[in-house]
PDB file of N, CA and C in Angstrom:
ATOM      1  N   MET A   1      -1.716   6.154   4.134  1.00  0.00           N
ATOM      2  CA  MET A   1      -1.987   5.410   3.281  1.00  0.00           C
ATOM      3  C   MET A   1      -3.263   5.097   3.637  1.00  0.00           C
ATOM      4  N   GLN A   2      -4.432   4.361   2.154  1.00  0.00           N
ATOM      5  CA  GLN A   2      -4.837   4.470   2.152  1.00  0.00           C
ATOM      6  C   GLN A   2      -5.845   2.624   2.761  1.00  0.00           C
ATOM      7  N   SER A   3      -6.922   2.724   2.997  1.00  0.00           N
ATOM      8  CA  SER A   3      -7.332   1.390   2.272  1.00  0.00           C
ATOM      9  C   SER A   3      -8.587   1.464   1.486  1.00  0.00           C
ATOM     10  N   SER A   4      -9.018  -0.214   1.718  1.00  0.00           N
ATOM     11  CA  SER A   4      -9.681  -1.299   0.486  1.00  0.00           C
ATOM     12  C   SER A   4      -8.950  -1.431  -0.434  1.00  0.00           C
ATOM     13  N   MET A   5      -8.979  -2.889  -0.860  1.00  0.00           N
ATOM     14  CA  MET A   5      -7.715  -3.378  -1.534  1.00  0.00           C
ATOM     15  C   MET A   5      -7.853  -3.486  -2.443  1.00  0.00           C
ATOM     16  N   SER A   6      -7.575  -2.662  -4.010  1.00  0.00           N
ATOM     17  CA  SER A   6      -7.958  -2.924  -5.277  1.00  0.00           C
ATOM     18  C   SER A   6      -6.637  -3.344  -6.085  1.00  0.00           C
ATOM     19  N   SER A   7      -7.505  -4.536  -7.368  1.00  0.00           N
ATOM     20  CA  SER A   7      -6.306  -4.167  -8.330  1.00  0.00           C
ATOM     21  C   SER A   7      -5.712  -3.086  -8.923  1.00  0.00           C
ATOM     22  N   ARG A   8      -6.164  -2.395  -8.533  1.00  0.00           N
ATOM     23  CA  ARG A   8      -5.131  -0.625  -9.201  1.00  0.00           C
ATOM     24  C   ARG A   8      -3.923  -0.513  -7.989  1.00  0.00           C
ATOM     25  N   LEU A   9      -3.135  -0.041  -7.980  1.00  0.00           N
ATOM     26  CA  LEU A   9      -2.574  -0.143  -6.965  1.00  0.00           C
ATOM     27  C   LEU A   9      -1.589   1.073  -7.207  1.00  0.00           C
ATOM     28  N   GLU A  10      -0.738   2.192  -5.855  1.00  0.00           N
ATOM     29  CA  GLU A  10       0.590   2.927  -6.383  1.00  0.00           C
ATOM     30  C   GLU A  10       1.095   2.497  -5.985  1.00  0.00           C
ATOM     31  N   ARG A  11       1.888   2.573  -6.818  1.00  0.00           N
ATOM     32  CA  ARG A  11       3.870   1.894  -6.083  1.00  0.00           C
ATOM     33  C   ARG A  11       4.622   2.827  -5.817  1.00  0.00           C
ATOM     34  N   ALA A  12       5.061   2.503  -4.553  1.00  0.00           N
ATOM     35  CA  ALA A  12       6.803   3.358  -4.337  1.00  0.00           C
ATOM     36  C   ALA A  12       7.679   2.437  -3.669  1.00  0.00           C
ATOM     37  N   ASP A  13       8.940   2.626  -4.196  1.00  0.00           N
ATOM     38  CA  ASP A  13       9.784   1.917  -4.115  1.00  0.00           C
ATOM     39  C   ASP A  13      10.792   2.214  -2.889  1.00  0.00           C
ATOM     40  N   VAL A  14      11.284   1.645  -2.097  1.00  0.00           N
ATOM     41  CA  VAL A  14      11.970   2.713  -0.339  1.00  0.00           C
ATOM     42  C   VAL A  14      12.737   1.698  -0.198  1.00  0.00           C
ATOM     43  N   VAL A  15      13.962   2.391   0.158  1.00  0.00           N
ATOM     44  CA  VAL A  15      15.156   1.795   0.751  1.00  0.00           C
ATOM     45  C   VAL A  15      14.754   2.126   2.330  1.00  0.00           C
ATOM     46  N   VAL A  16      15.837   0.874   2.794  1.00  0.00           N
ATOM     47  CA  VAL A  16      15.889   1.222   3.974  1.00  0.00           C
ATOM     48  C   VAL A  16      17.355   0.468   4.381  1.00  0.00           C
ATOM     49  N   GLN A  17      17.835   1.564   5.094  1.00  0.00           N
ATOM     50  CA  GLN A  17      18.924   0.623   6.155  1.00  0.00           C
ATOM     51  C   GLN A  17      19.085   0.809   6.818  1.00  0.00           C
ATOM     52  N   SER A  18      20.369  -0.363   7.043  1.00  0.00           N
ATOM     53  CA  SER A  18      20.994  -1.068   7.743  1.00  0.00           C
ATOM     54  C   SER A  18      19.747  -0.674   9.556  1.00  0.00           C
ATOM     55  N   GLY A  19      19.518  -0.721  10.457  1.00  0.00           N
ATOM     56  CA  GLY A  19      19.011   0.102  11.301  1.00  0.00           C
ATOM     57  C   GLY A  19      17.847   0.381  11.949  1.00  0.00           C
ATOM     58  N   GLU A  20      17.710   0.939  10.581  1.00  0.00           N
ATOM     59  CA  GLU A  20      16.083   2.177  10.394  1.00  0.00           C
ATOM     60  C   GLU A  20      15.452   1.788  10.041  1.00  0.00           C
ATOM     61  N   VAL A  21      14.363   2.185  10.466  1.00  0.00           N
ATOM     62  CA  VAL A  21      13.024   2.654  11.093  1.00  0.00           C
ATOM     63  C   VAL A  21      12.361   2.669   9.044  1.00  0.00           C
ATOM     64  N   PHE A  22      11.102   1.936   8.514  1.00  0.00           N
ATOM     65  CA  PHE A  22      10.531   3.375   7.475  1.00  0.00           C
ATOM     66  C   PHE A  22       9.038   3.136   8.652  1.00  0.00           C
ATOM     67  N   ARG A  23       8.038   4.084   8.379  1.00  0.00           N
ATOM     68  CA  ARG A  23       6.590   4.054   9.178  1.00  0.00           C
ATOM     69  C   ARG A  23       5.807   4.419   7.850  1.00  0.00           C
ATOM     70  N   LEU A  24       5.626   3.072   7.893  1.00  0.00           N
ATOM     71  CA  LEU A  24       3.315   3.721   7.121  1.00  0.00           C
ATOM     72  C   LEU A  24       2.101   3.924   8.506  1.00  0.00           C
ATOM     73  N   GLU A  25       1.686   4.743   7.597  1.00  0.00           N
ATOM     74  CA  GLU A  25       0.519   5.454   8.416  1.00  0.00           C
ATOM     75  C   GLU A  25      -0.899   4.802   8.221  1.00  0.00           C
ATOM     76  N   ASP A  26      -2.265   4.593   8.754  1.00  0.00           N
ATOM     77  CA  ASP A  26      -3.201   3.517   8.075  1.00  0.00           C
ATOM     78  C   ASP A  26      -2.592   3.047   6.596  1.00  0.00           C
ATOM     79  N   ALA A  27      -1.972   1.837   7.048  1.00  0.00           N
ATOM     80  CA  ALA A  27      -1.676   0.942   5.966  1.00  0.00           C
ATOM     81  C   ALA A  27      -2.400  -0.221   5.500  1.00  0.00           C
ATOM     82  N   ALA A  28      -4.394  -0.076   5.858  1.00  0.00           N
ATOM     83  CA  ALA A  28      -4.975  -0.963   5.924  1.00  0.00           C
ATOM     84  C   ALA A  28      -4.549  -1.476   4.546  1.00  0.00           C
ATOM     85  N   GLY A  29      -4.547  -2.636   3.565  1.00  0.00           N
ATOM     86  CA  GLY A  29      -4.541  -3.050   2.059  1.00  0.00           C
ATOM     87  C   GLY A  29      -3.721  -2.921   1.323  1.00  0.00           C
ATOM     88  N   THR A  30      -2.430  -2.168   2.103  1.00  0.00           N
ATOM     89  CA  THR A  30      -1.093  -1.713   1.809  1.00  0.00           C
ATOM     90  C   THR A  30      -0.362  -3.430   1.511  1.00  0.00           C
ATOM     91  N   ARG A  31       0.269  -3.615   0.573  1.00  0.00           N
ATOM     92  CA  ARG A  31       0.971  -5.033   0.124  1.00  0.00           C
ATOM     93  C   ARG A  31       2.609  -4.544  -0.220  1.00  0.00           C
ATOM     94  N   VAL A  32       2.810  -4.826   0.698  1.00  0.00           N
ATOM     95  CA  VAL A  32       4.846  -4.737   1.008  1.00  0.00           C
ATOM     96  C   VAL A  32       5.412  -6.527   0.193  1.00  0.00           C
ATOM     97  N   GLN A  33       6.542  -5.737  -0.618  1.00  0.00           N
ATOM     98  CA  GLN A  33       7.471  -6.941  -0.977  1.00  0.00           C
ATOM     99  C   GLN A  33       8.742  -6.709  -0.842  1.00  0.00           C
ATOM    100  N   VAL A  34       9.424  -7.250  -0.393  1.00  0.00           N
ATOM    101  CA  VAL A  34      11.102  -7.404  -0.174  1.00  0.00           C
ATOM    102  C   VAL A  34      11.663  -7.568  -1.226  1.00  0.00           C
ATOM    103  N   LEU A  35      12.401  -6.958  -1.775  1.00  0.00           N
ATOM    104  CA  LEU A  35      12.859  -7.245  -3.166  1.00  0.00           C
ATOM    105  C   LEU A  35      14.473  -7.112  -2.756  1.00  0.00           C
ATOM    106  N   ARG A  36      15.051  -7.107  -1.974  1.00  0.00           N
ATOM    107  CA  ARG A  36      16.493  -7.972  -1.005  1.00  0.00           C
ATOM    108  C   ARG A  36      16.835  -7.139   1.003  1.00  0.00           C
ATOM    109  N   GLY A  37      17.433  -8.467   0.919  1.00  0.00           N
ATOM    110  CA  GLY A  37      17.321  -7.050   2.876  1.00  0.00           C
ATOM    111  C   GLY A  37      16.628  -7.995   3.251  1.00  0.00           C
ATOM    112  N   SER A  38      15.971  -7.468   4.664  1.00  0.00           N
ATOM    113  CA  SER A  38      15.296  -8.423   5.533  1.00  0.00           C
ATOM    114  C   SER A  38      14.213  -7.184   6.242  1.00  0.00           C
ATOM    115  N   VAL A  39      13.502  -7.427   6.566  1.00  0.00           N
ATOM    116  CA  VAL A  39      12.683  -6.378   8.183  1.00  0.00           C
ATOM    117  C   VAL A  39      12.250  -7.321   8.922  1.00  0.00           C
ATOM    118  N   TRP A  40      11.672  -6.179   9.943  1.00  0.00           N
ATOM    119  CA  TRP A  40      10.835  -6.702  10.798  1.00  0.00           C
ATOM    120  C   TRP A  40       9.365  -6.156  11.147  1.00  0.00           C
ATOM    121  N   ILE A  41       8.455  -6.381  10.804  1.00  0.00           N
ATOM    122  CA  ILE A  41       7.295  -5.474  11.042  1.00  0.00           C
ATOM    123  C   ILE A  41       6.559  -5.680  12.133  1.00  0.00           C
ATOM    124  N   THR A  42       6.094  -4.007  12.529  1.00  0.00           N
ATOM    125  CA  THR A  42       5.520  -4.329  13.729  1.00  0.00           C
ATOM    126  C   THR A  42       4.521  -2.950  13.560  1.00  0.00           C
ATOM    127  N   GLN A  43       3.119  -4.310  13.879  1.00  0.00           N
ATOM    128  CA  GLN A  43       1.512  -3.436  13.099  1.00  0.00           C
ATOM    129  C   GLN A  43       1.037  -2.329  15.056  1.00  0.00           C
ATOM    130  N   ASP A  44       0.604  -1.699  15.073  1.00  0.00           N
ATOM    131  CA  ASP A  44       0.125  -0.896  15.575  1.00  0.00           C
ATOM    132  C   ASP A  44      -2.011  -2.130  15.557  1.00  0.00           C
ATOM    133  N   GLY A  45      -1.983  -2.294  17.346  1.00  0.00           N
ATOM    134  CA  GLY A  45      -2.873  -3.048  17.189  1.00  0.00           C
ATOM    135  C   GLY A  45      -2.266  -4.615  17.565  1.00  0.00           C
ATOM    136  N   ASP A  46      -1.144  -5.228  17.003  1.00  0.00           N
ATOM    137  CA  ASP A  46      -1.637  -6.287  16.211  1.00  0.00           C
ATOM    138  C   ASP A  46      -0.372  -7.489  17.259  1.00  0.00           C
ATOM    139  N   PRO A  47      -0.877  -8.396  17.882  1.00  0.00           N
ATOM    140  CA  PRO A  47      -0.062  -8.719  19.081  1.00  0.00           C
ATOM    141  C   PRO A  47       1.413  -9.988  18.002  1.00  0.00           C
ATOM    142  N   ASN A  48       1.352  -9.818  17.572  1.00  0.00           N
ATOM    143  CA  ASN A  48       2.889  -9.911  16.657  1.00  0.00           C
ATOM    144  C   ASN A  48       3.010  -9.644  15.630  1.00  0.00           C
ATOM    145  N   ASP A  49       4.747 -10.060  15.532  1.00  0.00           N
ATOM    146  CA  ASP A  49       5.507  -9.084  15.138  1.00  0.00           C
ATOM    147  C   ASP A  49       5.392 -10.145  13.745  1.00  0.00           C
ATOM    148  N   TYR A  50       6.943  -9.883  12.836  1.00  0.00           N
ATOM    149  CA  TYR A  50       6.687 -10.194  11.177  1.00  0.00           C
ATOM    150  C   TYR A  50       8.082 -10.373  11.063  1.00  0.00           C
ATOM    151  N   TYR A  51       8.414 -11.441  10.070  1.00  0.00           N
ATOM    152  CA  TYR A  51       9.834 -11.417   9.683  1.00  0.00           C
ATOM    153  C   TYR A  51       9.665 -11.173   8.454  1.00  0.00           C
ATOM    154  N   LEU A  52      10.186 -10.435   7.859  1.00  0.00           N
ATOM    155  CA  LEU A  52       9.871 -10.942   6.527  1.00  0.00           C
ATOM    156  C   LEU A  52      11.506 -10.553   5.718  1.00  0.00           C
ATOM    157  N   PRO A  53      11.463 -11.589   4.936  1.00  0.00           N
ATOM    158  CA  PRO A  53      12.855 -12.324   4.238  1.00  0.00           C
ATOM    159  C   PRO A  53      13.171 -11.876   3.130  1.00  0.00           C
ATOM    160  N   ALA A  54      13.997 -11.265   1.892  1.00  0.00           N
ATOM    161  CA  ALA A  54      14.281 -11.053   0.673  1.00  0.00           C
ATOM    162  C   ALA A  54      13.374 -11.774  -0.566  1.00  0.00           C
ATOM    163  N   ALA A  55      12.209 -11.158  -1.244  1.00  0.00           N
ATOM    164  CA  ALA A  55      11.259 -12.052  -1.820  1.00  0.00           C
ATOM    165  C   ALA A  55       9.978 -12.569  -1.526  1.00  0.00           C
ATOM    166  N   GLY A  56      10.012 -12.318   0.130  1.00  0.00           N
ATOM    167  CA  GLY A  56       8.676 -12.098   0.955  1.00  0.00           C
ATOM    168  C   GLY A  56       7.639 -10.738   0.088  1.00  0.00           C
ATOM    169  N   THR A  57       6.814 -11.565   0.662  1.00  0.00           N
ATOM    170  CA  THR A  57       4.723 -10.119   0.563  1.00  0.00           C
ATOM    171  C   THR A  57       4.618 -10.062   2.018  1.00  0.00           C
ATOM    172  N   ILE A  58       3.507  -9.145   1.876  1.00  0.00           N
ATOM    173  CA  ILE A  58       3.036  -9.392   3.443  1.00  0.00           C
ATOM    174  C   ILE A  58       2.109  -8.358   2.028  1.00  0.00           C
ATOM    175  N   THR A  59       0.431  -8.266   3.317  1.00  0.00           N
ATOM    176  CA  THR A  59      -0.793  -7.639   2.546  1.00  0.00           C
ATOM    177  C   THR A  59      -0.855  -7.497   4.171  1.00  0.00           C
ATOM    178  N   LEU A  60      -1.323  -5.839   4.164  1.00  0.00           N
ATOM    179  CA  LEU A  60      -1.369  -5.265   5.722  1.00  0.00           C
ATOM    180  C   LEU A  60      -2.472  -5.474   6.230  1.00  0.00           C
ATOM    181  N   GLU A  61      -3.362  -5.482   6.672  1.00  0.00           N
ATOM    182  CA  GLU A  61      -4.892  -5.968   7.515  1.00  0.00           C
ATOM    183  C   GLU A  61      -5.300  -4.798   8.210  1.00  0.00           C
ATOM    184  N   ARG A  62      -4.464  -4.248   9.010  1.00  0.00           N
ATOM    185  CA  ARG A  62      -4.847  -3.468   9.964  1.00  0.00           C
ATOM    186  C   ARG A  62      -4.575  -2.057   9.838  1.00  0.00           C
ATOM    187  N   PRO A  63      -5.449  -1.199   9.895  1.00  0.00           N
ATOM    188  CA  PRO A  63      -5.486   0.292  10.104  1.00  0.00           C
ATOM    189  C   PRO A  63      -4.224   0.805  11.231  1.00  0.00           C
ATOM    190  N   GLY A  64      -3.750   1.837  11.005  1.00  0.00           N
ATOM    191  CA  GLY A  64      -3.240   2.511  12.048  1.00  0.00           C
ATOM    192  C   GLY A  64      -1.486   2.290  11.625  1.00  0.00           C
ATOM    193  N   VAL A  65      -0.595   2.405  12.705  1.00  0.00           N
ATOM    194  CA  VAL A  65       1.252   2.319  11.938  1.00  0.00           C
ATOM    195  C   VAL A  65       1.496   1.510  11.866  1.00  0.00           C
ATOM    196  N   VAL A  66       2.406   0.798  11.215  1.00  0.00           N
ATOM    197  CA  VAL A  66       3.319  -0.333  10.982  1.00  0.00           C
ATOM    198  C   VAL A  66       4.731   0.483  10.698  1.00  0.00           C
ATOM    199  N   LEU A  67       5.174  -0.193  11.219  1.00  0.00           N
ATOM    200  CA  LEU A  67       6.893  -0.038  11.254  1.00  0.00           C
ATOM    201  C   LEU A  67       7.760  -0.974  10.622  1.00  0.00           C
ATOM    202  N   PHE A  68       8.643  -1.404   9.852  1.00  0.00           N
ATOM    203  CA  PHE A  68      10.191  -2.263   8.981  1.00  0.00           C
ATOM    204  C   PHE A  68      11.043  -1.455   9.639  1.00  0.00           C
ATOM    205  N   TYR A  69      11.075  -2.764  10.651  1.00  0.00           N
ATOM    206  CA  TYR A  69      12.832  -2.349  10.683  1.00  0.00           C
ATOM    207  C   TYR A  69      13.624  -2.996   9.847  1.00  0.00           C
ATOM    208  N   ALA A  70      14.717  -2.352   9.051  1.00  0.00           N
ATOM    209  CA  ALA A  70      15.470  -3.122   8.440  1.00  0.00           C
ATOM    210  C   ALA A  70      16.997  -3.686   9.494  1.00  0.00           C
ATOM    211  N   LEU A  71      17.003  -5.529   9.247  1.00  0.00           N
ATOM    212  CA  LEU A  71      17.778  -6.157   9.707  1.00  0.00           C
ATOM    213  C   LEU A  71      18.708  -5.858   8.779  1.00  0.00           C
ATOM    214  N   GLU A  72      19.057  -6.136   7.830  1.00  0.00           N
ATOM    215  CA  GLU A  72      19.785  -4.995   6.423  1.00  0.00           C
ATOM    216  C   GLU A  72      19.992  -4.262   5.861  1.00  0.00           C
ATOM    217  N   PRO A  73      20.695  -4.056   4.781  1.00  0.00           N
ATOM    218  CA  PRO A  73      20.210  -3.095   3.954  1.00  0.00           C
ATOM    219  C   PRO A  73      18.970  -3.832   2.775  1.00  0.00           C
ATOM    220  N   ALA A  74      17.647  -2.992   2.943  1.00  0.00           N
ATOM    221  CA  ALA A  74      16.514  -3.088   2.322  1.00  0.00           C
ATOM    222  C   ALA A  74      15.846  -2.668   1.099  1.00  0.00           C
ATOM    223  N   LYS A  75      15.470  -3.408   0.176  1.00  0.00           N
ATOM    224  CA  LYS A  75      14.268  -2.467  -0.860  1.00  0.00           C
ATOM    225  C   LYS A  75      13.768  -3.143  -0.512  1.00  0.00           C
ATOM    226  N   LEU A  76      12.330  -2.408  -1.028  1.00  0.00           N
ATOM    227  CA  LEU A  76      10.507  -2.730  -0.903  1.00  0.00           C
ATOM    228  C   LEU A  76      10.209  -1.816  -1.727  1.00  0.00           C
ATOM    229  N   ILE A  77       9.063  -2.747  -2.336  1.00  0.00           N
ATOM    230  CA  ILE A  77       7.999  -1.845  -3.354  1.00  0.00           C
ATOM    231  C   ILE A  77       6.459  -1.621  -2.182  1.00  0.00           C
ATOM    232  N   VAL A  78       6.337  -0.699  -2.554  1.00  0.00           N
ATOM    233  CA  VAL A  78       4.725  -0.883  -1.529  1.00  0.00           C
ATOM    234  C   VAL A  78       3.728  -0.324  -2.460  1.00  0.00           C
ATOM    235  N   ARG A  79       3.060  -0.657  -1.975  1.00  0.00           N
ATOM    236  CA  ARG A  79       2.286  -0.732  -2.973  1.00  0.00           C
ATOM    237  C   ARG A  79       0.765  -0.938  -2.563  1.00  0.00           C
ATOM    238  N   HIS A  80       0.326   1.140  -3.178  1.00  0.00           N
ATOM    239  CA  HIS A  80      -1.140   1.676  -1.660  1.00  0.00           C
ATOM    240  C   HIS A  80      -2.346   1.409  -2.319  1.00  0.00           C
ATOM    241  N   PRO A  81      -3.173   0.778  -1.948  1.00  0.00           N
ATOM    242  CA  PRO A  81      -4.333   0.639  -2.768  1.00  0.00           C
ATOM    243  C   PRO A  81      -4.594   1.719  -3.549  1.00  0.00           C
ATOM    244  N   VAL A  82      -6.015   1.878  -4.164  1.00  0.00           N
ATOM    245  CA  VAL A  82      -6.670   2.818  -5.218  1.00  0.00           C
ATOM    246  C   VAL A  82      -7.773   3.133  -4.565  1.00  0.00           C
ATOM    247  N   PRO A  83      -8.413   3.686  -4.587  1.00  0.00           N
ATOM    248  CA  PRO A  83      -9.786   3.971  -4.524  1.00  0.00           C
ATOM    249  C   PRO A  83     -10.681   4.086  -4.850  1.00  0.00           C
ATOM    250  N   GLN A  84     -11.625   2.453  -5.270  1.00  0.00           N
ATOM    251  CA  GLN A  84     -12.350   2.208  -6.474  1.00  0.00           C
ATOM    252  C   GLN A  84     -13.463   2.745  -6.839  1.00  0.00           C
ATOM    253  N   ILE A  85     -13.987   3.510  -7.905  1.00  0.00           N
ATOM    254  CA  ILE A  85     -14.870   4.812  -8.661  1.00  0.00           C
ATOM    255  C   ILE A  85     -16.287   3.392  -7.857  1.00  0.00           C
ATOM    256  N   SER A  86     -17.696   4.303  -7.688  1.00  0.00           N
ATOM    257  CA  SER A  86     -18.596   3.171  -7.898  1.00  0.00           C
ATOM    258  C   SER A  86     -19.139   2.942  -9.344  1.00  0.00           C
ATOM    259  N   VAL A  87     -19.922   2.109  -9.875  1.00  0.00           N
ATOM    260  CA  VAL A  87     -20.440   2.026 -10.681  1.00  0.00           C
ATOM    261  C   VAL A  87     -21.368   3.098 -11.013  1.00  0.00           C
ATOM    262  N   ALA A  88     -21.918   3.965 -10.223  1.00  0.00           N
ATOM    263  CA  ALA A  88     -22.849   5.131 -10.153  1.00  0.00           C
ATOM    264  C   ALA A  88     -22.361   5.597 -10.303  1.00  0.00           C
ATOM    265  N   ALA A  89     -21.148   6.149  -9.580  1.00  0.00           N
ATOM    266  CA  ALA A  89     -20.160   7.598  -9.915  1.00  0.00           C
ATOM    267  C   ALA A  89     -19.507   7.099 -12.007  1.00  0.00           C
ATOM    268  N   ARG A  90     -19.333   6.080 -11.955  1.00  0.00           N
ATOM    269  CA  ARG A  90     -18.880   6.194 -13.395  1.00  0.00           C
ATOM    270  C   ARG A  90     -19.859   6.744 -14.639  1.00  0.00           C
ATOM    271  N   VAL A  91     -20.972   5.622 -13.435  1.00  0.00           N
ATOM    272  CA  VAL A  91     -22.480   6.239 -15.237  1.00  0.00           C
ATOM    273  C   VAL A  91     -21.673   7.982 -14.929  1.00  0.00           C
ATOM    274  N   ALA A  92     -22.474   8.595 -14.218  1.00  0.00           N
ATOM    275  CA  ALA A  92     -22.617   9.652 -14.119  1.00  0.00           C
ATOM    276  C   ALA A  92     -21.269  10.501 -14.694  1.00  0.00           C
ATOM    277  N   ARG A  93     -19.584  10.192 -14.168  1.00  0.00           N
ATOM    278  CA  ARG A  93     -18.940  11.102 -15.037  1.00  0.00           C
ATOM    279  C   ARG A  93     -19.361  10.546 -16.572  1.00  0.00           C
ATOM    280  N   GLY A  94     -19.820   9.463 -17.080  1.00  0.00           N
ATOM    281  CA  GLY A  94     -19.587   8.902 -19.154  1.00  0.00           C
ATOM    282  C   GLY A  94     -20.683  10.045 -19.166  1.00  0.00           C
ATOM    283  N   LEU A  95     -21.635   9.728 -18.389  1.00  0.00           N
ATOM    284  CA  LEU A  95     -23.358  10.787 -19.191  1.00  0.00           C
ATOM    285  C   LEU A  95     -22.314  12.315 -19.129  1.00  0.00           C
ATOM    286  N   ALA A  96     -21.928  12.766 -18.224  1.00  0.00           N
ATOM    287  CA  ALA A  96     -21.506  13.947 -18.172  1.00  0.00           C
ATOM    288  C   ALA A  96     -20.943  14.432 -19.005  1.00  0.00           C
ATOM    289  N   ARG A  97     -19.653  13.631 -19.802  1.00  0.00           N
ATOM    290  CA  ARG A  97     -19.136  14.122 -20.370  1.00  0.00           C
ATOM    291  C   ARG A  97     -19.549  13.427 -22.576  1.00  0.00           C
ATOM    292  N   LEU A  98     -20.338  13.158 -22.006  1.00  0.00           N
ATOM    293  CA  LEU A  98     -21.333  12.779 -23.470  1.00  0.00           C
ATOM    294  C   LEU A  98     -22.109  14.112 -23.927  1.00  0.00           C
ATOM    295  N   SER A  99     -22.869  14.320 -22.344  1.00  0.00           N
ATOM    296  CA  SER A  99     -23.612  15.176 -22.898  1.00  0.00           C
ATOM    297  C   SER A  99     -22.865  16.311 -23.245  1.00  0.00           C
ATOM    298  N   ARG A 100     -21.021  16.859 -22.687  1.00  0.00           N
ATOM    299  CA  ARG A 100     -20.648  17.784 -23.168  1.00  0.00           C
ATOM    300  C   ARG A 100     -20.796  17.753 -24.753  1.00  0.00           C
ATOM    301  N   VAL A 101     -19.733  16.365 -25.275  1.00  0.00           N
ATOM    302  CA  VAL A 101     -20.094  16.199 -26.058  1.00  0.00           C
ATOM    303  C   VAL A 101     -21.228  16.184 -27.397  1.00  0.00           C
ATOM    304  N   LEU A 102     -22.577  16.425 -27.042  1.00  0.00           N
ATOM    305  CA  LEU A 102     -24.034  16.379 -28.159  1.00  0.00           C
ATOM    306  C   LEU A 102     -24.342  17.523 -27.824  1.00  0.00           C
ATOM    307  N   ALA A 103     -23.870  18.022 -26.467  1.00  0.00           N
ATOM    308  CA  ALA A 103     -24.814  20.223 -26.672  1.00  0.00           C
ATOM    309  C   ALA A 103     -23.771  20.530 -27.695  1.00  0.00           C
ATOM    310  N   PRO A 104     -24.625  21.718 -28.474  1.00  0.00           N
ATOM    311  CA  PRO A 104     -24.590  22.054 -29.334  1.00  0.00           C
ATOM    312  C   PRO A 104     -23.340  23.491 -28.983  1.00  0.00           C
TER     313      PRO A 104
END
């Protein structure tokens, strides 16, 4: 998964059966919402674990592996951050398009 939170996010729906584990890697900036069920969350390098019930949301702040253990059948929405393009890169792309349009 990517890092760096932004307003544009890629979404994935994930179903995890009771007793199963869902794994995310490099999850910093990823937002997870539990639509139904509940999960126990363990993040690499975080001394705390987290319980997330239905309607709960967490934004993962650490890079590395995150494990979601389903305490009951769970449906998650996972939103991965989409890297933002710098203003300079957007301007350069716009100028390149404009030059193609204006070229004879």
